[in-house]
Protein backbone atom coordinates (compact mmCIF):
# COMPACT_ATOMS: atom_id res chain seq x y z
CA MET A 1 -130.54 -87.30 -4.49
CA ARG A 2 -133.87 -85.53 -4.27
CA ARG A 3 -132.13 -82.22 -3.52
CA ARG A 4 -130.06 -82.56 -6.72
CA THR A 5 -133.19 -83.21 -8.77
CA ILE A 6 -134.89 -80.12 -7.39
CA LEU A 7 -131.77 -78.01 -7.95
CA LEU A 8 -131.46 -79.32 -11.51
CA ALA A 9 -135.13 -78.59 -12.18
CA LEU A 10 -134.63 -75.02 -11.00
CA LEU A 11 -131.48 -74.48 -13.09
CA VAL A 12 -132.74 -75.93 -16.41
CA PRO A 13 -134.82 -72.86 -17.41
CA PHE A 14 -131.82 -70.58 -16.80
CA VAL A 15 -129.48 -72.82 -18.77
CA LEU A 16 -131.92 -73.01 -21.66
CA ALA A 17 -132.45 -69.26 -21.59
CA GLY A 18 -128.68 -68.81 -21.80
CA CYS A 19 -128.55 -71.11 -24.83
CA ASN A 20 -131.32 -69.12 -26.51
CA ASP A 21 -129.48 -65.85 -25.85
CA LYS A 22 -126.31 -67.29 -27.41
CA GLN A 23 -128.31 -68.53 -30.42
CA ALA A 24 -129.88 -65.09 -30.91
CA ALA A 25 -126.47 -63.43 -30.63
CA LYS A 26 -125.18 -65.60 -33.49
CA ILE A 27 -127.51 -63.98 -36.04
CA PRO A 28 -125.21 -61.65 -37.98
CA PRO A 29 -126.36 -58.17 -38.92
CA PRO A 30 -126.59 -57.28 -42.62
CA HIS A 31 -123.42 -56.14 -44.39
CA ARG A 32 -123.09 -52.96 -46.40
CA MET A 33 -122.91 -53.80 -50.12
CA THR A 34 -119.55 -52.93 -51.72
CA ALA A 35 -117.77 -53.21 -55.06
CA GLU A 36 -116.08 -56.42 -53.83
CA ASP A 37 -119.38 -58.34 -53.48
CA ILE A 38 -119.83 -60.91 -56.24
CA GLY A 39 -123.13 -62.61 -57.13
CA HIS A 40 -123.19 -66.29 -56.20
CA TYR A 41 -124.86 -67.49 -59.40
CA CYS A 42 -123.77 -64.90 -62.01
CA GLY A 43 -120.18 -64.34 -60.83
CA MET A 44 -120.54 -60.61 -61.45
CA ASN A 45 -120.28 -57.58 -59.18
CA VAL A 46 -123.71 -57.11 -57.57
CA LEU A 47 -123.47 -53.32 -57.92
CA GLU A 48 -123.45 -53.68 -61.72
CA HIS A 49 -127.13 -54.65 -61.80
CA PRO A 50 -130.26 -52.63 -61.05
CA GLY A 51 -133.00 -53.85 -58.74
CA PRO A 52 -133.01 -55.54 -55.34
CA LYS A 53 -130.08 -57.57 -54.10
CA GLY A 54 -129.61 -60.04 -51.29
CA HIS A 55 -127.13 -61.80 -49.07
CA ILE A 56 -127.38 -64.85 -46.87
CA PHE A 57 -125.44 -65.96 -43.81
CA ALA A 58 -125.12 -69.69 -43.13
CA ALA A 59 -123.48 -71.21 -40.06
CA SER A 60 -121.29 -73.42 -42.26
CA LEU A 61 -119.92 -70.51 -44.33
CA MET A 62 -117.30 -67.98 -43.28
CA GLU A 63 -118.64 -65.08 -45.38
CA PRO A 64 -122.08 -63.98 -46.58
CA VAL A 65 -123.27 -65.26 -49.96
CA TRP A 66 -124.25 -62.37 -52.27
CA PHE A 67 -126.94 -62.32 -54.96
CA SER A 68 -127.63 -59.99 -57.89
CA SER A 69 -131.38 -60.26 -57.33
CA ALA A 70 -133.85 -60.94 -54.54
CA ARG A 71 -135.21 -63.82 -56.63
CA ASP A 72 -131.79 -65.52 -56.67
CA THR A 73 -131.59 -65.00 -52.91
CA ILE A 74 -134.87 -66.86 -52.43
CA ALA A 75 -133.78 -69.58 -54.91
CA PHE A 76 -130.73 -70.30 -52.74
CA THR A 77 -133.07 -71.25 -49.88
CA MET A 78 -135.00 -73.67 -52.12
CA LEU A 79 -132.23 -75.48 -53.97
CA PRO A 80 -131.29 -78.85 -52.47
CA ASP A 81 -127.51 -78.50 -52.93
CA GLU A 82 -127.23 -75.20 -51.03
CA PRO A 83 -126.55 -75.04 -47.26
CA LYS A 84 -129.62 -75.36 -45.04
CA ASP A 85 -128.05 -73.92 -41.87
CA ILE A 86 -129.19 -70.40 -42.78
CA LEU A 87 -128.85 -67.84 -40.00
CA ALA A 88 -130.15 -64.74 -41.81
CA ILE A 89 -131.51 -63.77 -45.24
CA TYR A 90 -131.29 -60.10 -46.15
CA VAL A 91 -132.84 -58.45 -49.21
CA SER A 92 -132.96 -54.82 -50.36
CA ASP A 93 -135.93 -52.90 -48.97
CA MET A 94 -137.06 -51.30 -52.21
CA GLY A 95 -139.42 -48.99 -50.31
CA LYS A 96 -136.29 -47.27 -48.97
CA ALA A 97 -134.22 -47.53 -52.17
CA PRO A 98 -133.25 -44.27 -53.91
CA ASP A 99 -134.49 -45.80 -57.20
CA TRP A 100 -134.52 -49.07 -59.17
CA ASP A 101 -131.03 -48.53 -60.59
CA LYS A 102 -129.60 -47.76 -57.14
CA PRO A 103 -131.27 -50.10 -54.63
CA GLY A 104 -129.08 -48.88 -51.77
CA ALA A 105 -126.02 -50.33 -50.05
CA ASP A 106 -127.46 -50.76 -46.57
CA ASN A 107 -131.27 -50.65 -46.61
CA TRP A 108 -131.78 -54.34 -45.80
CA ILE A 109 -134.80 -56.19 -44.51
CA GLU A 110 -134.75 -59.77 -43.18
CA ALA A 111 -136.43 -61.61 -46.07
CA ARG A 112 -138.68 -63.68 -43.82
CA LYS A 113 -140.17 -60.43 -42.47
CA ALA A 114 -140.58 -58.77 -45.90
CA VAL A 115 -143.47 -58.73 -48.33
CA PHE A 116 -142.71 -59.30 -52.02
CA VAL A 117 -144.32 -58.09 -55.22
CA ILE A 118 -144.15 -60.88 -57.78
CA GLU A 119 -145.37 -61.09 -61.39
CA SER A 120 -144.84 -57.36 -62.01
CA ARG A 121 -143.70 -55.78 -65.28
CA VAL A 122 -140.36 -54.81 -63.71
CA LYS A 123 -137.47 -57.18 -64.43
CA SER A 124 -134.44 -58.06 -62.32
CA GLY A 125 -130.96 -56.78 -62.98
CA MET A 126 -130.27 -59.93 -65.01
CA GLY A 127 -133.46 -59.47 -67.08
CA GLY A 128 -135.60 -62.13 -65.39
CA ASP A 129 -138.70 -62.02 -63.25
CA GLU A 130 -138.12 -60.47 -59.85
CA ALA A 131 -139.53 -60.82 -56.35
CA VAL A 132 -139.42 -57.18 -55.22
CA PRO A 133 -139.06 -56.91 -51.41
CA PHE A 134 -140.52 -54.28 -49.10
CA SER A 135 -140.54 -53.83 -45.34
CA GLU A 136 -143.90 -52.01 -45.47
CA ARG A 137 -147.02 -53.35 -47.16
CA THR A 138 -148.13 -49.83 -48.19
CA ALA A 139 -144.92 -49.40 -50.23
CA ALA A 140 -145.51 -52.81 -51.86
CA GLU A 141 -149.11 -51.84 -52.67
CA LYS A 142 -147.94 -48.61 -54.32
CA PHE A 143 -145.32 -50.50 -56.36
CA ALA A 144 -147.90 -53.12 -57.46
CA ALA A 145 -150.40 -50.38 -58.43
CA GLU A 146 -147.74 -48.77 -60.67
CA ASN A 147 -146.11 -51.95 -62.06
CA GLY A 148 -148.66 -54.74 -61.73
CA GLY A 149 -148.11 -57.92 -59.78
CA ARG A 150 -149.35 -59.33 -56.51
CA ILE A 151 -148.11 -59.19 -52.93
CA VAL A 152 -146.99 -62.30 -51.05
CA GLY A 153 -144.97 -63.15 -47.95
CA PHE A 154 -141.60 -64.92 -48.06
CA ASN A 155 -143.10 -68.40 -47.59
CA GLU A 156 -145.77 -67.67 -50.20
CA VAL A 157 -143.40 -66.92 -53.09
CA PRO A 158 -144.16 -69.81 -55.46
CA ARG A 159 -141.33 -72.28 -55.98
CA ASP A 160 -142.01 -72.36 -59.73
CA TYR A 161 -141.83 -68.57 -59.93
CA VAL A 162 -138.37 -68.62 -58.36
CA LEU A 163 -136.86 -71.73 -59.91
CA THR A 164 -138.34 -71.67 -63.43
CA SER A 165 -136.03 -69.99 -65.88
CA ALA A 166 -137.44 -66.57 -66.71
CA ASN A 167 -135.60 -66.72 -70.01
CA ALA A 168 -137.12 -70.05 -71.11
CA ALA A 169 -140.21 -68.40 -72.57
CA GLY A 170 -138.10 -65.69 -74.21
CA ALA A 171 -135.74 -68.29 -75.69
CA ALA A 172 -138.69 -70.29 -77.08
CA ALA A 173 -140.13 -67.15 -78.66
CA ALA A 174 -136.73 -66.29 -80.15
CA ASP A 175 -136.42 -69.82 -81.58
CA GLU A 176 -139.85 -69.54 -83.20
CA THR A 177 -138.99 -66.16 -84.70
CA ALA A 178 -135.68 -67.43 -86.07
CA VAL A 179 -137.11 -70.63 -87.53
CA GLY A 180 -140.65 -69.55 -88.34
CA PRO A 181 -144.08 -70.61 -87.12
CA PRO A 182 -144.35 -73.93 -85.25
CA GLY A 183 -145.80 -75.75 -88.27
CA GLU A 184 -142.99 -74.54 -90.54
CA ARG A 185 -140.40 -75.48 -87.91
CA ALA A 186 -141.81 -79.01 -87.78
CA ARG A 187 -141.62 -79.33 -91.59
CA ARG A 188 -137.96 -78.17 -91.58
CA THR A 189 -136.96 -80.78 -89.01
CA GLN A 190 -138.49 -83.69 -90.95
């Protein structure tokens, strides 16, 4: 009995190491973006929009989930109804992108290793606020110097920045313009 215990104690580290190797092997590499890739939330071809894109692999899904913006990619990780068995999160490395309109088909960075410029003047392909990803901090600093914003890591991107509708403020402004100043709007609704 004692011999079995010693043998088991000696084998456990090797068994666990084998499990860890299998787990690491399950992380899929990024896919090249193609014309067949459709944005999860917008239902449109991701290539039709400028700015950074993203895709996520989850253990419970057969195919990657594509996004028309890096911000939507991050939102997927925060929303309660989306899968939580995420294996990999890839976003466009905008430091290696040819330009904003052509973010590149295969210049991906694992989002949890990227830095993001948020609150810049540059808008996403869908017209909302964007979290612009970079693999190198110097590229992010250059982008922020040219376009405003601040640099944060993946876990530092504010939940409200990602999940608050970027168009809510624009819609409120449009309503005020269409109806008139707030005081006049109140008089019209009485």
